[in-house]
Full PDB file with SEQRES, HELIX, SHEET, SSBOND, CRYST1, ORIGX, SCALE, CONECT and MASTER records, all heavy atoms in Angstrom:
SEQRES   1 A   32  ASN ALA LYS ASN THR MET TYR LEU GLN MET ASP SER LEU          
SEQRES   2 A   32  ARG PRO GLU ASP THR ALA VAL TYR TYR CYS ALA ALA SER          
SEQRES   3 A   32  LEU LYS LEU ALA SER ARG                                      
HELIX    1 AA1 PRO A   15  ASP A   17  5                                   3    
CRYST1    1.000    1.000    1.000  90.00  90.00  90.00 P 1           1          
ORIGX1      1.000000  0.000000  0.000000        0.00000                         
ORIGX2      0.000000  1.000000  0.000000        0.00000                         
ORIGX3      0.000000  0.000000  1.000000        0.00000                         
SCALE1      1.000000  0.000000  0.000000        0.00000                         
SCALE2      0.000000  1.000000  0.000000        0.00000                         
SCALE3      0.000000  0.000000  1.000000        0.00000                         
ATOM      1  N   ASN A   1     -15.647   3.221  -0.389  1.00  0.00           N  
ATOM      2  CA  ASN A   1     -16.401   2.129  -1.018  1.00  0.00           C  
ATOM      3  C   ASN A   1     -17.744   2.602  -1.559  1.00  0.00           C  
ATOM      4  O   ASN A   1     -18.285   2.002  -2.484  1.00  0.00           O  
ATOM      5  CB  ASN A   1     -16.576   0.980  -0.034  1.00  0.00           C  
ATOM      6  CG  ASN A   1     -15.289   0.205   0.174  1.00  0.00           C  
ATOM      7  OD1 ASN A   1     -14.333   0.332  -0.595  1.00  0.00           O  
ATOM      8  ND2 ASN A   1     -15.255  -0.602   1.228  1.00  0.00           N  
ATOM      9  N   ALA A   2     -18.288   3.656  -1.002  1.00  0.00           N  
ATOM     10  CA  ALA A   2     -19.553   4.186  -1.510  1.00  0.00           C  
ATOM     11  C   ALA A   2     -19.377   4.834  -2.886  1.00  0.00           C  
ATOM     12  O   ALA A   2     -20.313   4.894  -3.679  1.00  0.00           O  
ATOM     13  CB  ALA A   2     -20.128   5.199  -0.533  1.00  0.00           C  
ATOM     14  N   LYS A   3     -18.147   5.305  -3.151  1.00  0.00           N  
ATOM     15  CA  LYS A   3     -17.864   5.961  -4.426  1.00  0.00           C  
ATOM     16  C   LYS A   3     -17.053   5.070  -5.367  1.00  0.00           C  
ATOM     17  O   LYS A   3     -16.668   5.509  -6.452  1.00  0.00           O  
ATOM     18  CB  LYS A   3     -17.107   7.267  -4.191  1.00  0.00           C  
ATOM     19  CG  LYS A   3     -17.920   8.322  -3.451  1.00  0.00           C  
ATOM     20  CD  LYS A   3     -17.131   9.621  -3.311  1.00  0.00           C  
ATOM     21  CE  LYS A   3     -17.975  10.682  -2.617  1.00  0.00           C  
ATOM     22  NZ  LYS A   3     -17.217  11.963  -2.457  1.00  0.00           N  
ATOM     23  N   ASN A   4     -16.764   3.850  -4.933  1.00  0.00           N  
ATOM     24  CA  ASN A   4     -15.975   2.914  -5.752  1.00  0.00           C  
ATOM     25  C   ASN A   4     -14.642   3.525  -6.185  1.00  0.00           C  
ATOM     26  O   ASN A   4     -14.204   3.370  -7.333  1.00  0.00           O  
ATOM     27  CB  ASN A   4     -16.764   2.481  -6.998  1.00  0.00           C  
ATOM     28  CG  ASN A   4     -17.970   1.647  -6.670  1.00  0.00           C  
ATOM     29  OD1 ASN A   4     -18.102   1.146  -5.548  1.00  0.00           O  
ATOM     30  ND2 ASN A   4     -18.873   1.501  -7.613  1.00  0.00           N  
ATOM     31  N   THR A   5     -14.005   4.202  -5.266  1.00  0.00           N  
ATOM     32  CA  THR A   5     -12.789   4.942  -5.602  1.00  0.00           C  
ATOM     33  C   THR A   5     -11.724   4.752  -4.529  1.00  0.00           C  
ATOM     34  O   THR A   5     -12.031   4.726  -3.336  1.00  0.00           O  
ATOM     35  CB  THR A   5     -13.091   6.437  -5.769  1.00  0.00           C  
ATOM     36  OG1 THR A   5     -14.093   6.612  -6.774  1.00  0.00           O  
ATOM     37  CG2 THR A   5     -11.844   7.205  -6.208  1.00  0.00           C  
ATOM     38  N   MET A   6     -10.488   4.643  -4.982  1.00  0.00           N  
ATOM     39  CA  MET A   6      -9.325   4.569  -4.099  1.00  0.00           C  
ATOM     40  C   MET A   6      -8.445   5.794  -4.377  1.00  0.00           C  
ATOM     41  O   MET A   6      -8.445   6.325  -5.496  1.00  0.00           O  
ATOM     42  CB  MET A   6      -8.519   3.303  -4.388  1.00  0.00           C  
ATOM     43  CG  MET A   6      -7.219   3.209  -3.634  1.00  0.00           C  
ATOM     44  SD  MET A   6      -6.269   1.727  -4.023  1.00  0.00           S  
ATOM     45  CE  MET A   6      -5.896   1.947  -5.753  1.00  0.00           C  
ATOM     46  N   TYR A   7      -7.709   6.201  -3.352  1.00  0.00           N  
ATOM     47  CA  TYR A   7      -6.883   7.406  -3.469  1.00  0.00           C  
ATOM     48  C   TYR A   7      -5.457   7.132  -3.005  1.00  0.00           C  
ATOM     49  O   TYR A   7      -5.212   6.254  -2.178  1.00  0.00           O  
ATOM     50  CB  TYR A   7      -7.463   8.539  -2.630  1.00  0.00           C  
ATOM     51  CG  TYR A   7      -8.904   8.848  -2.926  1.00  0.00           C  
ATOM     52  CD1 TYR A   7      -9.924   8.302  -2.142  1.00  0.00           C  
ATOM     53  CD2 TYR A   7      -9.258   9.664  -3.999  1.00  0.00           C  
ATOM     54  CE1 TYR A   7     -11.252   8.572  -2.416  1.00  0.00           C  
ATOM     55  CE2 TYR A   7     -10.586   9.945  -4.272  1.00  0.00           C  
ATOM     56  CZ  TYR A   7     -11.578   9.384  -3.479  1.00  0.00           C  
ATOM     57  OH  TYR A   7     -12.897   9.660  -3.754  1.00  0.00           O  
ATOM     58  N   LEU A   8      -4.539   7.925  -3.538  1.00  0.00           N  
ATOM     59  CA  LEU A   8      -3.166   7.933  -3.035  1.00  0.00           C  
ATOM     60  C   LEU A   8      -2.765   9.387  -2.868  1.00  0.00           C  
ATOM     61  O   LEU A   8      -2.582  10.108  -3.859  1.00  0.00           O  
ATOM     62  CB  LEU A   8      -2.210   7.220  -3.992  1.00  0.00           C  
ATOM     63  CG  LEU A   8      -0.779   7.083  -3.481  1.00  0.00           C  
ATOM     64  CD1 LEU A   8      -0.719   6.107  -2.298  1.00  0.00           C  
ATOM     65  CD2 LEU A   8       0.166   6.612  -4.592  1.00  0.00           C  
ATOM     66  N   GLN A   9      -2.661   9.817  -1.629  1.00  0.00           N  
ATOM     67  CA  GLN A   9      -2.190  11.168  -1.318  1.00  0.00           C  
ATOM     68  C   GLN A   9      -0.681  11.115  -1.210  1.00  0.00           C  
ATOM     69  O   GLN A   9      -0.150  10.389  -0.363  1.00  0.00           O  
ATOM     70  CB  GLN A   9      -2.813  11.670  -0.024  1.00  0.00           C  
ATOM     71  CG  GLN A   9      -2.322  13.043   0.402  1.00  0.00           C  
ATOM     72  CD  GLN A   9      -2.753  14.153  -0.540  1.00  0.00           C  
ATOM     73  OE1 GLN A   9      -3.876  14.144  -1.021  1.00  0.00           O  
ATOM     74  NE2 GLN A   9      -1.853  15.090  -0.817  1.00  0.00           N  
ATOM     75  N   MET A  10      -0.014  11.881  -2.043  1.00  0.00           N  
ATOM     76  CA  MET A  10       1.442  11.868  -2.094  1.00  0.00           C  
ATOM     77  C   MET A  10       1.964  13.241  -1.676  1.00  0.00           C  
ATOM     78  O   MET A  10       1.705  14.231  -2.362  1.00  0.00           O  
ATOM     79  CB  MET A  10       1.919  11.520  -3.501  1.00  0.00           C  
ATOM     80  CG  MET A  10       1.358  10.212  -4.032  1.00  0.00           C  
ATOM     81  SD  MET A  10       2.056   9.741  -5.626  1.00  0.00           S  
ATOM     82  CE  MET A  10       1.425  11.046  -6.661  1.00  0.00           C  
ATOM     83  N   ASP A  11       2.655  13.296  -0.562  1.00  0.00           N  
ATOM     84  CA  ASP A  11       3.241  14.530  -0.042  1.00  0.00           C  
ATOM     85  C   ASP A  11       4.760  14.431  -0.039  1.00  0.00           C  
ATOM     86  O   ASP A  11       5.325  13.346  -0.155  1.00  0.00           O  
ATOM     87  CB  ASP A  11       2.724  14.781   1.383  1.00  0.00           C  
ATOM     88  CG  ASP A  11       1.215  14.959   1.430  1.00  0.00           C  
ATOM     89  OD1 ASP A  11       0.668  15.642   0.553  1.00  0.00           O  
ATOM     90  OD2 ASP A  11       0.588  14.417   2.365  1.00  0.00           O  
ATOM     91  N   SER A  12       5.398  15.571   0.095  1.00  0.00           N  
ATOM     92  CA  SER A  12       6.869  15.624   0.142  1.00  0.00           C  
ATOM     93  C   SER A  12       7.470  14.837  -1.016  1.00  0.00           C  
ATOM     94  O   SER A  12       8.385  14.030  -0.840  1.00  0.00           O  
ATOM     95  CB  SER A  12       7.379  15.074   1.477  1.00  0.00           C  
ATOM     96  OG  SER A  12       6.847  15.807   2.557  1.00  0.00           O  
ATOM     97  N   LEU A  13       6.961  15.087  -2.199  1.00  0.00           N  
ATOM     98  CA  LEU A  13       7.401  14.326  -3.370  1.00  0.00           C  
ATOM     99  C   LEU A  13       8.862  14.601  -3.701  1.00  0.00           C  
ATOM    100  O   LEU A  13       9.370  15.719  -3.499  1.00  0.00           O  
ATOM    101  CB  LEU A  13       6.508  14.653  -4.558  1.00  0.00           C  
ATOM    102  CG  LEU A  13       5.146  13.933  -4.537  1.00  0.00           C  
ATOM    103  CD1 LEU A  13       4.154  14.611  -5.469  1.00  0.00           C  
ATOM    104  CD2 LEU A  13       5.313  12.471  -4.893  1.00  0.00           C  
ATOM    105  N   ARG A  14       9.507  13.566  -4.205  1.00  0.00           N  
ATOM    106  CA  ARG A  14      10.921  13.613  -4.569  1.00  0.00           C  
ATOM    107  C   ARG A  14      11.082  13.268  -6.041  1.00  0.00           C  
ATOM    108  O   ARG A  14      10.228  12.565  -6.612  1.00  0.00           O  
ATOM    109  CB  ARG A  14      11.700  12.607  -3.725  1.00  0.00           C  
ATOM    110  CG  ARG A  14      11.531  12.772  -2.225  1.00  0.00           C  
ATOM    111  CD  ARG A  14      12.069  11.565  -1.494  1.00  0.00           C  
ATOM    112  NE  ARG A  14      11.926  11.689  -0.038  1.00  0.00           N  
ATOM    113  CZ  ARG A  14      12.134  10.691   0.810  1.00  0.00           C  
ATOM    114  NH1 ARG A  14      12.497   9.497   0.349  1.00  0.00           N  
ATOM    115  NH2 ARG A  14      11.982  10.892   2.115  1.00  0.00           N  
ATOM    116  N   PRO A  15      12.153  13.687  -6.668  1.00  0.00           N  
ATOM    117  CA  PRO A  15      12.369  13.309  -8.078  1.00  0.00           C  
ATOM    118  C   PRO A  15      12.328  11.800  -8.300  1.00  0.00           C  
ATOM    119  O   PRO A  15      11.856  11.339  -9.347  1.00  0.00           O  
ATOM    120  CB  PRO A  15      13.744  13.896  -8.378  1.00  0.00           C  
ATOM    121  CG  PRO A  15      13.839  15.089  -7.473  1.00  0.00           C  
ATOM    122  CD  PRO A  15      13.153  14.668  -6.205  1.00  0.00           C  
ATOM    123  N   GLU A  16      12.781  11.032  -7.313  1.00  0.00           N  
ATOM    124  CA  GLU A  16      12.778   9.570  -7.469  1.00  0.00           C  
ATOM    125  C   GLU A  16      11.380   8.960  -7.403  1.00  0.00           C  
ATOM    126  O   GLU A  16      11.215   7.759  -7.639  1.00  0.00           O  
ATOM    127  CB  GLU A  16      13.687   8.913  -6.423  1.00  0.00           C  
ATOM    128  CG  GLU A  16      13.394   9.294  -4.994  1.00  0.00           C  
ATOM    129  CD  GLU A  16      14.297  10.430  -4.496  1.00  0.00           C  
ATOM    130  OE1 GLU A  16      14.578  11.375  -5.285  1.00  0.00           O  
ATOM    131  OE2 GLU A  16      14.696  10.374  -3.308  1.00  0.00           O  
ATOM    132  N   ASP A  17      10.371   9.759  -7.110  1.00  0.00           N  
ATOM    133  CA  ASP A  17       8.985   9.287  -7.166  1.00  0.00           C  
ATOM    134  C   ASP A  17       8.434   9.352  -8.588  1.00  0.00           C  
ATOM    135  O   ASP A  17       7.309   8.882  -8.835  1.00  0.00           O  
ATOM    136  CB  ASP A  17       8.091  10.121  -6.249  1.00  0.00           C  
ATOM    137  CG  ASP A  17       8.438   9.959  -4.776  1.00  0.00           C  
ATOM    138  OD1 ASP A  17       8.697   8.815  -4.347  1.00  0.00           O  
ATOM    139  OD2 ASP A  17       8.452  10.974  -4.060  1.00  0.00           O  
ATOM    140  N   THR A  18       9.193   9.924  -9.500  1.00  0.00           N  
ATOM    141  CA  THR A  18       8.756  10.006 -10.893  1.00  0.00           C  
ATOM    142  C   THR A  18       8.550   8.620 -11.476  1.00  0.00           C  
ATOM    143  O   THR A  18       9.449   7.775 -11.432  1.00  0.00           O  
ATOM    144  CB  THR A  18       9.787  10.780 -11.730  1.00  0.00           C  
ATOM    145  OG1 THR A  18       9.833  12.139 -11.281  1.00  0.00           O  
ATOM    146  CG2 THR A  18       9.425  10.753 -13.211  1.00  0.00           C  
ATOM    147  N   ALA A  19       7.346   8.370 -11.995  1.00  0.00           N  
ATOM    148  CA  ALA A  19       6.997   7.047 -12.519  1.00  0.00           C  
ATOM    149  C   ALA A  19       5.594   7.099 -13.093  1.00  0.00           C  
ATOM    150  O   ALA A  19       4.856   8.072 -12.882  1.00  0.00           O  
ATOM    151  CB  ALA A  19       7.068   5.993 -11.420  1.00  0.00           C  
ATOM    152  N   VAL A  20       5.232   6.026 -13.775  1.00  0.00           N  
ATOM    153  CA  VAL A  20       3.832   5.785 -14.103  1.00  0.00           C  
ATOM    154  C   VAL A  20       3.227   5.008 -12.937  1.00  0.00           C  
ATOM    155  O   VAL A  20       3.777   3.992 -12.515  1.00  0.00           O  
ATOM    156  CB  VAL A  20       3.676   5.004 -15.417  1.00  0.00           C  
ATOM    157  CG1 VAL A  20       2.192   4.723 -15.691  1.00  0.00           C  
ATOM    158  CG2 VAL A  20       4.299   5.765 -16.572  1.00  0.00           C  
ATOM    159  N   TYR A  21       2.128   5.517 -12.418  1.00  0.00           N  
ATOM    160  CA  TYR A  21       1.473   4.903 -11.265  1.00  0.00           C  
ATOM    161  C   TYR A  21       0.249   4.125 -11.733  1.00  0.00           C  
ATOM    162  O   TYR A  21      -0.600   4.658 -12.469  1.00  0.00           O  
ATOM    163  CB  TYR A  21       1.079   5.980 -10.254  1.00  0.00           C  
ATOM    164  CG  TYR A  21       2.240   6.480  -9.451  1.00  0.00           C  
ATOM    165  CD1 TYR A  21       3.234   7.261 -10.034  1.00  0.00           C  
ATOM    166  CD2 TYR A  21       2.384   6.145  -8.107  1.00  0.00           C  
ATOM    167  CE1 TYR A  21       4.324   7.705  -9.297  1.00  0.00           C  
ATOM    168  CE2 TYR A  21       3.465   6.579  -7.362  1.00  0.00           C  
ATOM    169  CZ  TYR A  21       4.432   7.359  -7.967  1.00  0.00           C  
ATOM    170  OH  TYR A  21       5.517   7.790  -7.239  1.00  0.00           O  
ATOM    171  N   TYR A  22       0.171   2.873 -11.272  1.00  0.00           N  
ATOM    172  CA  TYR A  22      -0.912   1.978 -11.651  1.00  0.00           C  
ATOM    173  C   TYR A  22      -1.716   1.586 -10.418  1.00  0.00           C  
ATOM    174  O   TYR A  22      -1.129   1.290  -9.365  1.00  0.00           O  
ATOM    175  CB  TYR A  22      -0.364   0.703 -12.278  1.00  0.00           C  
ATOM    176  CG  TYR A  22       0.424   0.909 -13.548  1.00  0.00           C  
ATOM    177  CD1 TYR A  22       1.792   1.111 -13.512  1.00  0.00           C  
ATOM    178  CD2 TYR A  22      -0.211   0.867 -14.784  1.00  0.00           C  
ATOM    179  CE1 TYR A  22       2.522   1.293 -14.670  1.00  0.00           C  
ATOM    180  CE2 TYR A  22       0.507   1.036 -15.962  1.00  0.00           C  
ATOM    181  CZ  TYR A  22       1.866   1.254 -15.891  1.00  0.00           C  
ATOM    182  OH  TYR A  22       2.583   1.427 -17.053  1.00  0.00           O  
ATOM    183  N   CYS A  23      -3.023   1.528 -10.562  1.00  0.00           N  
ATOM    184  CA  CYS A  23      -3.814   0.943  -9.493  1.00  0.00           C  
ATOM    185  C   CYS A  23      -4.153  -0.502  -9.854  1.00  0.00           C  
ATOM    186  O   CYS A  23      -4.163  -0.878 -11.034  1.00  0.00           O  
ATOM    187  CB  CYS A  23      -5.072   1.752  -9.193  1.00  0.00           C  
ATOM    188  SG  CYS A  23      -6.347   1.725 -10.453  1.00  0.00           S  
ATOM    189  N   ALA A  24      -4.380  -1.294  -8.835  1.00  0.00           N  
ATOM    190  CA  ALA A  24      -4.649  -2.710  -9.010  1.00  0.00           C  
ATOM    191  C   ALA A  24      -5.726  -3.163  -8.042  1.00  0.00           C  
ATOM    192  O   ALA A  24      -5.848  -2.617  -6.945  1.00  0.00           O  
ATOM    193  CB  ALA A  24      -3.373  -3.519  -8.796  1.00  0.00           C  
ATOM    194  N   ALA A  25      -6.480  -4.158  -8.465  1.00  0.00           N  
ATOM    195  CA  ALA A  25      -7.529  -4.750  -7.633  1.00  0.00           C  
ATOM    196  C   ALA A  25      -7.291  -6.246  -7.549  1.00  0.00           C  
ATOM    197  O   ALA A  25      -6.922  -6.884  -8.549  1.00  0.00           O  
ATOM    198  CB  ALA A  25      -8.909  -4.472  -8.231  1.00  0.00           C  
ATOM    199  N   SER A  26      -7.502  -6.797  -6.370  1.00  0.00           N  
ATOM    200  CA  SER A  26      -7.236  -8.216  -6.179  1.00  0.00           C  
ATOM    201  C   SER A  26      -8.207  -8.810  -5.180  1.00  0.00           C  
ATOM    202  O   SER A  26      -8.618  -8.144  -4.224  1.00  0.00           O  
ATOM    203  CB  SER A  26      -5.805  -8.415  -5.695  1.00  0.00           C  
ATOM    204  OG  SER A  26      -5.543  -9.782  -5.462  1.00  0.00           O  
ATOM    205  N   LEU A  27      -8.517 -10.085  -5.377  1.00  0.00           N  
ATOM    206  CA  LEU A  27      -9.305 -10.817  -4.390  1.00  0.00           C  
ATOM    207  C   LEU A  27      -8.409 -11.349  -3.270  1.00  0.00           C  
ATOM    208  O   LEU A  27      -8.927 -11.892  -2.297  1.00  0.00           O  
ATOM    209  CB  LEU A  27     -10.074 -11.946  -5.067  1.00  0.00           C  
ATOM    210  CG  LEU A  27     -11.204 -11.499  -6.008  1.00  0.00           C  
ATOM    211  CD1 LEU A  27     -11.793 -12.706  -6.731  1.00  0.00           C  
ATOM    212  CD2 LEU A  27     -12.290 -10.757  -5.248  1.00  0.00           C  
ATOM    213  N   LYS A  28      -7.102 -11.192  -3.416  1.00  0.00           N  
ATOM    214  CA  LYS A  28      -6.186 -11.577  -2.348  1.00  0.00           C  
ATOM    215  C   LYS A  28      -6.309 -10.598  -1.184  1.00  0.00           C  
ATOM    216  O   LYS A  28      -6.846  -9.491  -1.320  1.00  0.00           O  
ATOM    217  CB  LYS A  28      -4.738 -11.554  -2.856  1.00  0.00           C  
ATOM    218  CG  LYS A  28      -4.417 -12.592  -3.904  1.00  0.00           C  
ATOM    219  CD  LYS A  28      -2.917 -12.655  -4.175  1.00  0.00           C  
ATOM    220  CE  LYS A  28      -2.437 -11.461  -4.940  1.00  0.00           C  
ATOM    221  NZ  LYS A  28      -2.920 -11.457  -6.307  1.00  0.00           N  
ATOM    222  N   LEU A  29      -5.778 -10.983  -0.057  1.00  0.00           N  
ATOM    223  CA  LEU A  29      -5.666 -10.045   1.049  1.00  0.00           C  
ATOM    224  C   LEU A  29      -4.710  -8.919   0.655  1.00  0.00           C  
ATOM    225  O   LEU A  29      -3.751  -9.132  -0.089  1.00  0.00           O  
ATOM    226  CB  LEU A  29      -5.135 -10.750   2.298  1.00  0.00           C  
ATOM    227  CG  LEU A  29      -6.037 -11.802   2.931  1.00  0.00           C  
ATOM    228  CD1 LEU A  29      -5.291 -12.481   4.080  1.00  0.00           C  
ATOM    229  CD2 LEU A  29      -7.330 -11.175   3.421  1.00  0.00           C  
ATOM    230  N   ALA A  30      -4.950  -7.745   1.168  1.00  0.00           N  
ATOM    231  CA  ALA A  30      -4.069  -6.612   0.875  1.00  0.00           C  
ATOM    232  C   ALA A  30      -2.638  -6.915   1.296  1.00  0.00           C  
ATOM    233  O   ALA A  30      -1.682  -6.489   0.641  1.00  0.00           O  
ATOM    234  CB  ALA A  30      -4.581  -5.365   1.590  1.00  0.00           C  
ATOM    235  N   SER A  31      -2.469  -7.660   2.366  1.00  0.00           N  
ATOM    236  CA  SER A  31      -1.123  -8.005   2.838  1.00  0.00           C  
ATOM    237  C   SER A  31      -0.377  -8.880   1.847  1.00  0.00           C  
ATOM    238  O   SER A  31       0.845  -8.995   1.921  1.00  0.00           O  
ATOM    239  CB  SER A  31      -1.204  -8.708   4.193  1.00  0.00           C  
ATOM    240  OG  SER A  31      -1.986  -9.887   4.094  1.00  0.00           O  
ATOM    241  N   ARG A  32      -1.092  -9.475   0.909  1.00  0.00           N  
ATOM    242  CA  ARG A  32      -0.474 -10.319  -0.108  1.00  0.00           C  
ATOM    243  C   ARG A  32      -0.206  -9.557  -1.400  1.00  0.00           C  
ATOM    244  O   ARG A  32       0.241 -10.148  -2.378  1.00  0.00           O  
ATOM    245  CB  ARG A  32      -1.372 -11.521  -0.399  1.00  0.00           C  
ATOM    246  CG  ARG A  32      -1.618 -12.427   0.792  1.00  0.00           C  
ATOM    247  CD  ARG A  32      -0.349 -13.088   1.274  1.00  0.00           C  
ATOM    248  NE  ARG A  32      -0.574 -14.019   2.359  1.00  0.00           N  
ATOM    249  CZ  ARG A  32      -0.717 -15.315   2.210  1.00  0.00           C  
ATOM    250  NH1 ARG A  32      -0.678 -15.847   0.995  1.00  0.00           N  
ATOM    251  NH2 ARG A  32      -0.886 -16.089   3.257  1.00  0.00           N  
TER     252      ARG A  32                                                      
MASTER        0    0    0    1    0    0    0    6  251    1    0    3          
END                                                                             
């Protein structure tokens, strides 16, 4: 939060992980 940045560490990647990855921000709870 100090850097206003979110990360996604992806390990053991598989061919089926191939995609365009989008980040999103919401005022909803993360569980929603």
